[in-house]
PDB file of N, CA and C in Angstrom:
ATOM      1  N   MET A   1      -7.867 -38.037  23.630  1.00  0.00           N
ATOM      2  CA  MET A   1      -7.007 -37.432  22.660  1.00  0.00           C
ATOM      3  C   MET A   1      -5.862 -36.727  23.391  1.00  0.00           C
ATOM      4  N   SER A   2      -4.637 -37.071  23.058  1.00  0.00           N
ATOM      5  CA  SER A   2      -3.492 -36.460  23.734  1.00  0.00           C
ATOM      6  C   SER A   2      -3.172 -35.116  23.096  1.00  0.00           C
ATOM      7  N   GLU A   3      -2.748 -34.205  23.932  1.00  0.00           N
ATOM      8  CA  GLU A   3      -2.411 -32.869  23.475  1.00  0.00           C
ATOM      9  C   GLU A   3      -0.909 -32.801  23.258  1.00  0.00           C
ATOM     10  N   GLU A   4      -0.488 -32.512  22.018  1.00  0.00           N
ATOM     11  CA  GLU A   4       0.931 -32.410  21.714  1.00  0.00           C
ATOM     12  C   GLU A   4       1.400 -30.984  21.932  1.00  0.00           C
ATOM     13  N   LYS A   5       2.553 -30.851  22.551  1.00  0.00           N
ATOM     14  CA  LYS A   5       3.144 -29.538  22.731  1.00  0.00           C
ATOM     15  C   LYS A   5       4.055 -29.278  21.543  1.00  0.00           C
ATOM     16  N   GLN A   6       3.771 -28.212  20.811  1.00  0.00           N
ATOM     17  CA  GLN A   6       4.568 -27.886  19.640  1.00  0.00           C
ATOM     18  C   GLN A   6       5.800 -27.108  20.069  1.00  0.00           C
ATOM     19  N   GLU A   7       6.955 -27.560  19.630  1.00  0.00           N
ATOM     20  CA  GLU A   7       8.217 -26.901  19.949  1.00  0.00           C
ATOM     21  C   GLU A   7       8.580 -25.941  18.827  1.00  0.00           C
ATOM     22  N   PHE A   8       8.950 -24.732  19.184  1.00  0.00           N
ATOM     23  CA  PHE A   8       9.367 -23.737  18.213  1.00  0.00           C
ATOM     24  C   PHE A   8      10.865 -23.501  18.334  1.00  0.00           C
ATOM     25  N   LEU A   9      11.481 -23.133  17.229  1.00  0.00           N
ATOM     26  CA  LEU A   9      12.848 -22.662  17.254  1.00  0.00           C
ATOM     27  C   LEU A   9      12.833 -21.364  18.045  1.00  0.00           C
ATOM     28  N   THR A  10      13.832 -21.134  18.878  1.00  0.00           N
ATOM     29  CA  THR A  10      13.842 -19.922  19.694  1.00  0.00           C
ATOM     30  C   THR A  10      15.135 -19.146  19.483  1.00  0.00           C
ATOM     31  N   TYR A  11      15.092 -17.876  19.825  1.00  0.00           N
ATOM     32  CA  TYR A  11      16.262 -17.006  19.840  1.00  0.00           C
ATOM     33  C   TYR A  11      16.160 -16.187  21.115  1.00  0.00           C
ATOM     34  N   LYS A  12      17.161 -16.283  21.957  1.00  0.00           N
ATOM     35  CA  LYS A  12      17.195 -15.591  23.255  1.00  0.00           C
ATOM     36  C   LYS A  12      15.918 -15.842  24.057  1.00  0.00           C
ATOM     37  N   GLY A  13      15.439 -17.084  24.012  1.00  0.00           N
ATOM     38  CA  GLY A  13      14.311 -17.497  24.833  1.00  0.00           C
ATOM     39  C   GLY A  13      12.932 -17.193  24.282  1.00  0.00           C
ATOM     40  N   ARG A  14      12.851 -16.611  23.101  1.00  0.00           N
ATOM     41  CA  ARG A  14      11.545 -16.299  22.504  1.00  0.00           C
ATOM     42  C   ARG A  14      11.362 -17.110  21.222  1.00  0.00           C
ATOM     43  N   PRO A  15      10.117 -17.518  20.929  1.00  0.00           N
ATOM     44  CA  PRO A  15       9.877 -18.348  19.749  1.00  0.00           C
ATOM     45  C   PRO A  15       9.999 -17.582  18.433  1.00  0.00           C
ATOM     46  N   LEU A  16      10.401 -18.339  17.408  1.00  0.00           N
ATOM     47  CA  LEU A  16      10.459 -17.850  16.029  1.00  0.00           C
ATOM     48  C   LEU A  16       9.478 -18.687  15.217  1.00  0.00           C
ATOM     49  N   VAL A  17       8.571 -18.048  14.515  1.00  0.00           N
ATOM     50  CA  VAL A  17       7.610 -18.761  13.672  1.00  0.00           C
ATOM     51  C   VAL A  17       7.734 -18.196  12.270  1.00  0.00           C
ATOM     52  N   ARG A  18       8.011 -19.087  11.303  1.00  0.00           N
ATOM     53  CA  ARG A  18       8.262 -18.646   9.932  1.00  0.00           C
ATOM     54  C   ARG A  18       7.145 -19.086   8.998  1.00  0.00           C
ATOM     55  N   SER A  19       6.783 -18.183   8.095  1.00  0.00           N
ATOM     56  CA  SER A  19       5.873 -18.475   7.001  1.00  0.00           C
ATOM     57  C   SER A  19       6.458 -17.823   5.756  1.00  0.00           C
ATOM     58  N   LYS A  20       7.057 -18.629   4.889  1.00  0.00           N
ATOM     59  CA  LYS A  20       7.740 -18.167   3.677  1.00  0.00           C
ATOM     60  C   LYS A  20       8.842 -17.180   4.046  1.00  0.00           C
ATOM     61  N   ASN A  21       8.731 -15.903   3.625  1.00  0.00           N
ATOM     62  CA  ASN A  21       9.804 -14.946   3.912  1.00  0.00           C
ATOM     63  C   ASN A  21       9.503 -14.052   5.115  1.00  0.00           C
ATOM     64  N   ILE A  22       8.505 -14.406   5.912  1.00  0.00           N
ATOM     65  CA  ILE A  22       8.159 -13.625   7.108  1.00  0.00           C
ATOM     66  C   ILE A  22       8.402 -14.473   8.354  1.00  0.00           C
ATOM     67  N   ILE A  23       9.061 -13.872   9.333  1.00  0.00           N
ATOM     68  CA  ILE A  23       9.335 -14.529  10.611  1.00  0.00           C
ATOM     69  C   ILE A  23       8.723 -13.674  11.713  1.00  0.00           C
ATOM     70  N   TYR A  24       7.945 -14.299  12.567  1.00  0.00           N
ATOM     71  CA  TYR A  24       7.415 -13.615  13.751  1.00  0.00           C
ATOM     72  C   TYR A  24       8.279 -14.016  14.929  1.00  0.00           C
ATOM     73  N   TYR A  25       8.770 -13.026  15.658  1.00  0.00           N
ATOM     74  CA  TYR A  25       9.649 -13.254  16.798  1.00  0.00           C
ATOM     75  C   TYR A  25       8.951 -12.760  18.053  1.00  0.00           C
ATOM     76  N   GLY A  26       8.757 -13.649  18.995  1.00  0.00           N
ATOM     77  CA  GLY A  26       8.118 -13.297  20.255  1.00  0.00           C
ATOM     78  C   GLY A  26       6.928 -14.193  20.520  1.00  0.00           C
ATOM     79  N   ASP A  27       6.394 -14.061  21.709  1.00  0.00           N
ATOM     80  CA  ASP A  27       5.266 -14.870  22.155  1.00  0.00           C
ATOM     81  C   ASP A  27       3.981 -14.087  21.921  1.00  0.00           C
ATOM     82  N   MET A  28       3.056 -14.657  21.172  1.00  0.00           N
ATOM     83  CA  MET A  28       1.799 -13.966  20.854  1.00  0.00           C
ATOM     84  C   MET A  28       0.951 -13.702  22.101  1.00  0.00           C
ATOM     85  N   ARG A  29       1.262 -14.352  23.211  1.00  0.00           N
ATOM     86  CA  ARG A  29       0.538 -14.096  24.466  1.00  0.00           C
ATOM     87  C   ARG A  29       1.054 -12.852  25.163  1.00  0.00           C
ATOM     88  N   GLU A  30       2.213 -12.343  24.737  1.00  0.00           N
ATOM     89  CA  GLU A  30       2.739 -11.096  25.303  1.00  0.00           C
ATOM     90  C   GLU A  30       2.144  -9.911  24.549  1.00  0.00           C
ATOM     91  N   ASP A  31       2.438  -8.712  25.002  1.00  0.00           N
ATOM     92  CA  ASP A  31       1.840  -7.511  24.422  1.00  0.00           C
ATOM     93  C   ASP A  31       2.388  -7.146  23.043  1.00  0.00           C
ATOM     94  N   TYR A  32       3.607  -7.595  22.727  1.00  0.00           N
ATOM     95  CA  TYR A  32       4.248  -7.202  21.470  1.00  0.00           C
ATOM     96  C   TYR A  32       5.014  -8.366  20.854  1.00  0.00           C
ATOM     97  N   VAL A  33       5.105  -8.358  19.533  1.00  0.00           N
ATOM     98  CA  VAL A  33       5.956  -9.266  18.772  1.00  0.00           C
ATOM     99  C   VAL A  33       6.639  -8.436  17.691  1.00  0.00           C
ATOM    100  N   VAL A  34       7.668  -9.008  17.085  1.00  0.00           N
ATOM    101  CA  VAL A  34       8.339  -8.333  15.981  1.00  0.00           C
ATOM    102  C   VAL A  34       8.187  -9.191  14.734  1.00  0.00           C
ATOM    103  N   MET A  35       7.742  -8.544  13.660  1.00  0.00           N
ATOM    104  CA  MET A  35       7.641  -9.211  12.369  1.00  0.00           C
ATOM    105  C   MET A  35       8.884  -8.849  11.553  1.00  0.00           C
ATOM    106  N   LEU A  36       9.592  -9.870  11.094  1.00  0.00           N
ATOM    107  CA  LEU A  36      10.766  -9.668  10.269  1.00  0.00           C
ATOM    108  C   LEU A  36      10.440 -10.178   8.870  1.00  0.00           C
ATOM    109  N   GLN A  37      10.649  -9.343   7.869  1.00  0.00           N
ATOM    110  CA  GLN A  37      10.395  -9.753   6.497  1.00  0.00           C
ATOM    111  C   GLN A  37      11.709  -9.752   5.735  1.00  0.00           C
ATOM    112  N   ILE A  38      12.061 -10.919   5.216  1.00  0.00           N
ATOM    113  CA  ILE A  38      13.302 -11.062   4.449  1.00  0.00           C
ATOM    114  C   ILE A  38      13.027 -10.546   3.045  1.00  0.00           C
ATOM    115  N   MET A  39      13.698  -9.469   2.668  1.00  0.00           N
ATOM    116  CA  MET A  39      13.441  -8.808   1.396  1.00  0.00           C
ATOM    117  C   MET A  39      14.290  -9.358   0.256  1.00  0.00           C
ATOM    118  N   GLY A  40      15.353 -10.034   0.576  1.00  0.00           N
ATOM    119  CA  GLY A  40      16.224 -10.591  -0.453  1.00  0.00           C
ATOM    120  C   GLY A  40      17.256 -11.493   0.176  1.00  0.00           C
ATOM    121  N   SER A  41      17.976 -12.200  -0.680  1.00  0.00           N
ATOM    122  CA  SER A  41      19.011 -13.092  -0.168  1.00  0.00           C
ATOM    123  C   SER A  41      20.322 -12.813  -0.886  1.00  0.00           C
ATOM    124  N   LYS A  42      21.389 -13.314  -0.300  1.00  0.00           N
ATOM    125  CA  LYS A  42      22.720 -13.172  -0.901  1.00  0.00           C
ATOM    126  C   LYS A  42      23.472 -14.471  -0.663  1.00  0.00           C
ATOM    127  N   GLU A  43      24.515 -14.675  -1.427  1.00  0.00           N
ATOM    128  CA  GLU A  43      25.305 -15.893  -1.273  1.00  0.00           C
ATOM    129  C   GLU A  43      26.507 -15.600  -0.389  1.00  0.00           C
ATOM    130  N   THR A  44      26.654 -16.404   0.656  1.00  0.00           N
ATOM    131  CA  THR A  44      27.769 -16.279   1.585  1.00  0.00           C
ATOM    132  C   THR A  44      28.382 -17.661   1.762  1.00  0.00           C
ATOM    133  N   ALA A  45      29.637 -17.803   1.389  1.00  0.00           N
ATOM    134  CA  ALA A  45      30.357 -19.081   1.509  1.00  0.00           C
ATOM    135  C   ALA A  45      29.587 -20.223   0.835  1.00  0.00           C
ATOM    136  N   GLY A  46      29.003 -19.927  -0.317  1.00  0.00           N
ATOM    137  CA  GLY A  46      28.292 -20.952  -1.072  1.00  0.00           C
ATOM    138  C   GLY A  46      26.882 -21.247  -0.597  1.00  0.00           C
ATOM    139  N   GLU A  47      26.395 -20.541   0.411  1.00  0.00           N
ATOM    140  CA  GLU A  47      25.051 -20.746   0.951  1.00  0.00           C
ATOM    141  C   GLU A  47      24.214 -19.483   0.746  1.00  0.00           C
ATOM    142  N   GLN A  48      22.908 -19.653   0.528  1.00  0.00           N
ATOM    143  CA  GLN A  48      21.990 -18.522   0.443  1.00  0.00           C
ATOM    144  C   GLN A  48      21.641 -18.067   1.862  1.00  0.00           C
ATOM    145  N   THR A  49      21.857 -16.796   2.144  1.00  0.00           N
ATOM    146  CA  THR A  49      21.521 -16.227   3.451  1.00  0.00           C
ATOM    147  C   THR A  49      20.651 -14.990   3.244  1.00  0.00           C
ATOM    148  N   ALA A  50      19.973 -14.572   4.300  1.00  0.00           N
ATOM    149  CA  ALA A  50      19.117 -13.387   4.229  1.00  0.00           C
ATOM    150  C   ALA A  50      19.964 -12.155   3.981  1.00  0.00           C
ATOM    151  N   GLY A  51      19.496 -11.311   3.086  1.00  0.00           N
ATOM    152  CA  GLY A  51      20.142 -10.031   2.821  1.00  0.00           C
ATOM    153  C   GLY A  51      19.464  -8.954   3.634  1.00  0.00           C
ATOM    154  N   LYS A  52      18.710  -8.102   2.954  1.00  0.00           N
ATOM    155  CA  LYS A  52      18.003  -7.020   3.629  1.00  0.00           C
ATOM    156  C   LYS A  52      16.779  -7.581   4.349  1.00  0.00           C
ATOM    157  N   VAL A  53      16.600  -7.161   5.626  1.00  0.00           N
ATOM    158  CA  VAL A  53      15.475  -7.600   6.451  1.00  0.00           C
ATOM    159  C   VAL A  53      14.794  -6.364   7.023  1.00  0.00           C
ATOM    160  N   THR A  54      13.472  -6.278   6.861  1.00  0.00           N
ATOM    161  CA  THR A  54      12.726  -5.184   7.478  1.00  0.00           C
ATOM    162  C   THR A  54      12.073  -5.699   8.756  1.00  0.00           C
ATOM    163  N   LEU A  55      12.003  -4.834   9.763  1.00  0.00           N
ATOM    164  CA  LEU A  55      11.433  -5.194  11.064  1.00  0.00           C
ATOM    165  C   LEU A  55      10.285  -4.258  11.394  1.00  0.00           C
ATOM    166  N   GLN A  56       9.268  -4.812  12.048  1.00  0.00           N
ATOM    167  CA  GLN A  56       8.167  -4.014  12.578  1.00  0.00           C
ATOM    168  C   GLN A  56       7.776  -4.583  13.934  1.00  0.00           C
ATOM    169  N   MET A  57       7.865  -3.754  14.979  1.00  0.00           N
ATOM    170  CA  MET A  57       7.371  -4.194  16.277  1.00  0.00           C
ATOM    171  C   MET A  57       5.889  -3.875  16.315  1.00  0.00           C
ATOM    172  N   MET A  58       5.090  -4.915  16.623  1.00  0.00           N
ATOM    173  CA  MET A  58       3.642  -4.795  16.535  1.00  0.00           C
ATOM    174  C   MET A  58       2.978  -5.160  17.850  1.00  0.00           C
ATOM    175  N   SER A  59       1.863  -4.512  18.132  1.00  0.00           N
ATOM    176  CA  SER A  59       1.034  -4.854  19.282  1.00  0.00           C
ATOM    177  C   SER A  59       0.253  -6.119  18.957  1.00  0.00           C
ATOM    178  N   THR A  60       0.054  -6.970  19.947  1.00  0.00           N
ATOM    179  CA  THR A  60      -0.755  -8.175  19.753  1.00  0.00           C
ATOM    180  C   THR A  60      -2.191  -7.961  20.225  1.00  0.00           C
ATOM    181  N   ASP A  61      -2.526  -6.741  20.629  1.00  0.00           N
ATOM    182  CA  ASP A  61      -3.878  -6.417  21.098  1.00  0.00           C
ATOM    183  C   ASP A  61      -4.846  -6.451  19.919  1.00  0.00           C
ATOM    184  N   PRO A  62      -5.805  -7.381  19.918  1.00  0.00           N
ATOM    185  CA  PRO A  62      -6.738  -7.468  18.786  1.00  0.00           C
ATOM    186  C   PRO A  62      -7.683  -6.266  18.695  1.00  0.00           C
ATOM    187  N   ASN A  63      -7.796  -5.480  19.753  1.00  0.00           N
ATOM    188  CA  ASN A  63      -8.668  -4.313  19.755  1.00  0.00           C
ATOM    189  C   ASN A  63      -7.953  -3.013  19.368  1.00  0.00           C
ATOM    190  N   ALA A  64      -6.650  -3.090  19.157  1.00  0.00           N
ATOM    191  CA  ALA A  64      -5.893  -1.891  18.795  1.00  0.00           C
ATOM    192  C   ALA A  64      -6.254  -1.465  17.371  1.00  0.00           C
ATOM    193  N   PRO A  65      -6.387  -0.158  17.141  1.00  0.00           N
ATOM    194  CA  PRO A  65      -6.656   0.322  15.786  1.00  0.00           C
ATOM    195  C   PRO A  65      -5.484  -0.046  14.863  1.00  0.00           C
ATOM    196  N   PRO A  66      -5.758  -0.447  13.631  1.00  0.00           N
ATOM    197  CA  PRO A  66      -4.682  -0.853  12.721  1.00  0.00           C
ATOM    198  C   PRO A  66      -3.576   0.192  12.566  1.00  0.00           C
ATOM    199  N   ALA A  67      -3.938   1.461  12.600  1.00  0.00           N
ATOM    200  CA  ALA A  67      -2.934   2.515  12.446  1.00  0.00           C
ATOM    201  C   ALA A  67      -1.981   2.589  13.628  1.00  0.00           C
ATOM    202  N   GLU A  68      -2.374   2.050  14.780  1.00  0.00           N
ATOM    203  CA  GLU A  68      -1.545   2.110  15.984  1.00  0.00           C
ATOM    204  C   GLU A  68      -0.888   0.773  16.331  1.00  0.00           C
ATOM    205  N   MET A  69      -1.052  -0.234  15.484  1.00  0.00           N
ATOM    206  CA  MET A  69      -0.493  -1.554  15.793  1.00  0.00           C
ATOM    207  C   MET A  69       1.027  -1.596  15.663  1.00  0.00           C
ATOM    208  N   VAL A  70       1.592  -0.863  14.711  1.00  0.00           N
ATOM    209  CA  VAL A  70       3.041  -0.871  14.501  1.00  0.00           C
ATOM    210  C   VAL A  70       3.668   0.244  15.319  1.00  0.00           C
ATOM    211  N   LEU A  71       4.543  -0.147  16.258  1.00  0.00           N
ATOM    212  CA  LEU A  71       5.194   0.828  17.130  1.00  0.00           C
ATOM    213  C   LEU A  71       6.529   1.314  16.592  1.00  0.00           C
ATOM    214  N   LYS A  72       7.291   0.406  15.982  1.00  0.00           N
ATOM    215  CA  LYS A  72       8.621   0.747  15.475  1.00  0.00           C
ATOM    216  C   LYS A  72       8.855   0.037  14.161  1.00  0.00           C
ATOM    217  N   ARG A  73       9.688   0.642  13.312  1.00  0.00           N
ATOM    218  CA  ARG A  73      10.101   0.041  12.043  1.00  0.00           C
ATOM    219  C   ARG A  73      11.589   0.288  11.852  1.00  0.00           C
ATOM    220  N   SER A  74      12.238  -0.679  11.202  1.00  0.00           N
ATOM    221  CA  SER A  74      13.646  -0.505  10.883  1.00  0.00           C
ATOM    222  C   SER A  74      14.021  -1.481   9.777  1.00  0.00           C
ATOM    223  N   GLU A  75      15.254  -1.383   9.348  1.00  0.00           N
ATOM    224  CA  GLU A  75      15.783  -2.263   8.317  1.00  0.00           C
ATOM    225  C   GLU A  75      17.223  -2.611   8.692  1.00  0.00           C
ATOM    226  N   ARG A  76      17.590  -3.867   8.510  1.00  0.00           N
ATOM    227  CA  ARG A  76      18.949  -4.322   8.807  1.00  0.00           C
ATOM    228  C   ARG A  76      19.452  -5.219   7.692  1.00  0.00           C
ATOM    229  N   ASP A  77      20.757  -5.320   7.594  1.00  0.00           N
ATOM    230  CA  ASP A  77      21.386  -6.224   6.643  1.00  0.00           C
ATOM    231  C   ASP A  77      21.712  -7.523   7.373  1.00  0.00           C
ATOM    232  N   GLY A  78      21.049  -8.591   7.011  1.00  0.00           N
ATOM    233  CA  GLY A  78      21.299  -9.896   7.609  1.00  0.00           C
ATOM    234  C   GLY A  78      20.318 -10.235   8.718  1.00  0.00           C
ATOM    235  N   LEU A  79      20.000 -11.514   8.798  1.00  0.00           N
ATOM    236  CA  LEU A  79      19.016 -11.981   9.775  1.00  0.00           C
ATOM    237  C   LEU A  79      19.510 -11.839  11.213  1.00  0.00           C
ATOM    238  N   TYR A  80      20.793 -12.125  11.464  1.00  0.00           N
ATOM    239  CA  TYR A  80      21.303 -12.014  12.828  1.00  0.00           C
ATOM    240  C   TYR A  80      21.178 -10.583  13.349  1.00  0.00           C
ATOM    241  N   ASN A  81      21.581  -9.610  12.521  1.00  0.00           N
ATOM    242  CA  ASN A  81      21.478  -8.203  12.939  1.00  0.00           C
ATOM    243  C   ASN A  81      20.032  -7.821  13.218  1.00  0.00           C
ATOM    244  N   ALA A  82      19.111  -8.310  12.394  1.00  0.00           N
ATOM    245  CA  ALA A  82      17.691  -8.005  12.576  1.00  0.00           C
ATOM    246  C   ALA A  82      17.159  -8.656  13.853  1.00  0.00           C
ATOM    247  N   LEU A  83      17.507  -9.909  14.099  1.00  0.00           N
ATOM    248  CA  LEU A  83      17.042 -10.592  15.310  1.00  0.00           C
ATOM    249  C   LEU A  83      17.611  -9.954  16.569  1.00  0.00           C
ATOM    250  N   ASP A  84      18.848  -9.521  16.493  1.00  0.00           N
ATOM    251  CA  ASP A  84      19.471  -8.875  17.649  1.00  0.00           C
ATOM    252  C   ASP A  84      18.738  -7.577  17.998  1.00  0.00           C
ATOM    253  N   LEU A  85      18.374  -6.793  16.986  1.00  0.00           N
ATOM    254  CA  LEU A  85      17.617  -5.571  17.235  1.00  0.00           C
ATOM    255  C   LEU A  85      16.217  -5.907  17.751  1.00  0.00           C
ATOM    256  N   ALA A  86      15.579  -6.910  17.182  1.00  0.00           N
ATOM    257  CA  ALA A  86      14.237  -7.318  17.621  1.00  0.00           C
ATOM    258  C   ALA A  86      14.249  -7.731  19.093  1.00  0.00           C
ATOM    259  N   ALA A  87      15.266  -8.466  19.506  1.00  0.00           N
ATOM    260  CA  ALA A  87      15.374  -8.896  20.900  1.00  0.00           C
ATOM    261  C   ALA A  87      15.527  -7.685  21.822  1.00  0.00           C
ATOM    262  N   ALA A  88      16.329  -6.718  21.419  1.00  0.00           N
ATOM    263  CA  ALA A  88      16.515  -5.507  22.230  1.00  0.00           C
ATOM    264  C   ALA A  88      15.199  -4.730  22.328  1.00  0.00           C
ATOM    265  N   TRP A  89      14.485  -4.602  21.218  1.00  0.00           N
ATOM    266  CA  TRP A  89      13.191  -3.902  21.228  1.00  0.00           C
ATOM    267  C   TRP A  89      12.228  -4.560  22.207  1.00  0.00           C
ATOM    268  N   LEU A  90      12.093  -5.891  22.090  1.00  0.00           N
ATOM    269  CA  LEU A  90      11.141  -6.592  22.956  1.00  0.00           C
ATOM    270  C   LEU A  90      11.547  -6.505  24.422  1.00  0.00           C
ATOM    271  N   ASN A  91      12.827  -6.670  24.708  1.00  0.00           N
ATOM    272  CA  ASN A  91      13.292  -6.557  26.096  1.00  0.00           C
ATOM    273  C   ASN A  91      12.956  -5.190  26.671  1.00  0.00           C
ATOM    274  N   ARG A  92      13.207  -4.150  25.906  1.00  0.00           N
ATOM    275  CA  ARG A  92      12.950  -2.790  26.368  1.00  0.00           C
ATOM    276  C   ARG A  92      11.448  -2.542  26.517  1.00  0.00           C
ATOM    277  N   GLN A  93      10.658  -2.952  25.530  1.00  0.00           N
ATOM    278  CA  GLN A  93       9.220  -2.691  25.545  1.00  0.00           C
ATOM    279  C   GLN A  93       8.504  -3.485  26.635  1.00  0.00           C
ATOM    280  N   LEU A  94       8.975  -4.704  26.877  1.00  0.00           N
ATOM    281  CA  LEU A  94       8.327  -5.561  27.877  1.00  0.00           C
ATOM    282  C   LEU A  94       8.954  -5.392  29.264  1.00  0.00           C
ATOM    283  N   GLY A  95       9.932  -4.475  29.388  1.00  0.00           N
ATOM    284  CA  GLY A  95      10.516  -4.183  30.685  1.00  0.00           C
ATOM    285  C   GLY A  95      11.419  -5.275  31.216  1.00  0.00           C
ATOM    286  N   GLU A  96      12.054  -6.011  30.311  1.00  0.00           N
ATOM    287  CA  GLU A  96      12.942  -7.097  30.739  1.00  0.00           C
ATOM    288  C   GLU A  96      14.387  -6.665  30.613  1.00  0.00           C
ATOM    289  N   ILE A  97      15.233  -7.311  31.382  1.00  0.00           N
ATOM    290  CA  ILE A  97      16.666  -7.041  31.331  1.00  0.00           C
ATOM    291  C   ILE A  97      17.282  -8.018  30.350  1.00  0.00           C
ATOM    292  N   ASP A  98      18.142  -7.502  29.467  1.00  0.00           N
ATOM    293  CA  ASP A  98      18.825  -8.336  28.485  1.00  0.00           C
ATOM    294  C   ASP A  98      19.847  -9.210  29.204  1.00  0.00           C
ATOM    295  N   GLN A  99      19.691 -10.528  29.092  1.00  0.00           N
ATOM    296  CA  GLN A  99      20.592 -11.461  29.780  1.00  0.00           C
ATOM    297  C   GLN A  99      22.001 -11.454  29.179  1.00  0.00           C
ATOM    298  N   ASP A 100      22.138 -11.008  27.920  1.00  0.00           N
ATOM    299  CA  ASP A 100      23.439 -11.026  27.275  1.00  0.00           C
ATOM    300  C   ASP A 100      24.228  -9.739  27.519  1.00  0.00           C
ATOM    301  N   ALA A 101      23.638  -8.766  28.175  1.00  0.00           N
ATOM    302  CA  ALA A 101      24.325  -7.488  28.396  1.00  0.00           C
ATOM    303  C   ALA A 101      25.335  -7.600  29.500  1.00  0.00           C
TER     304      ALA A 101
END
């Protein structure tokens, strides 16, 4: 049986996994990921785009108490703004240097 490698859409080198209106940004093998929840949409140039997006940086440690799993929360207008903040959070938390800086 051959093993297929699943390709994910990425942003700044980290995978994006979507389930309905929730997007997980980051690698689940790392210590943290960011959950982005699209709260609404708006029409821009005739296309539906994400409006308000809430973010939560979460620990991936399965032994962490539920009350301590969420490290940061925020809200942004638009998916790009939310992803940009999520990337900065993960870079800072994981001790990485932002390549776009």
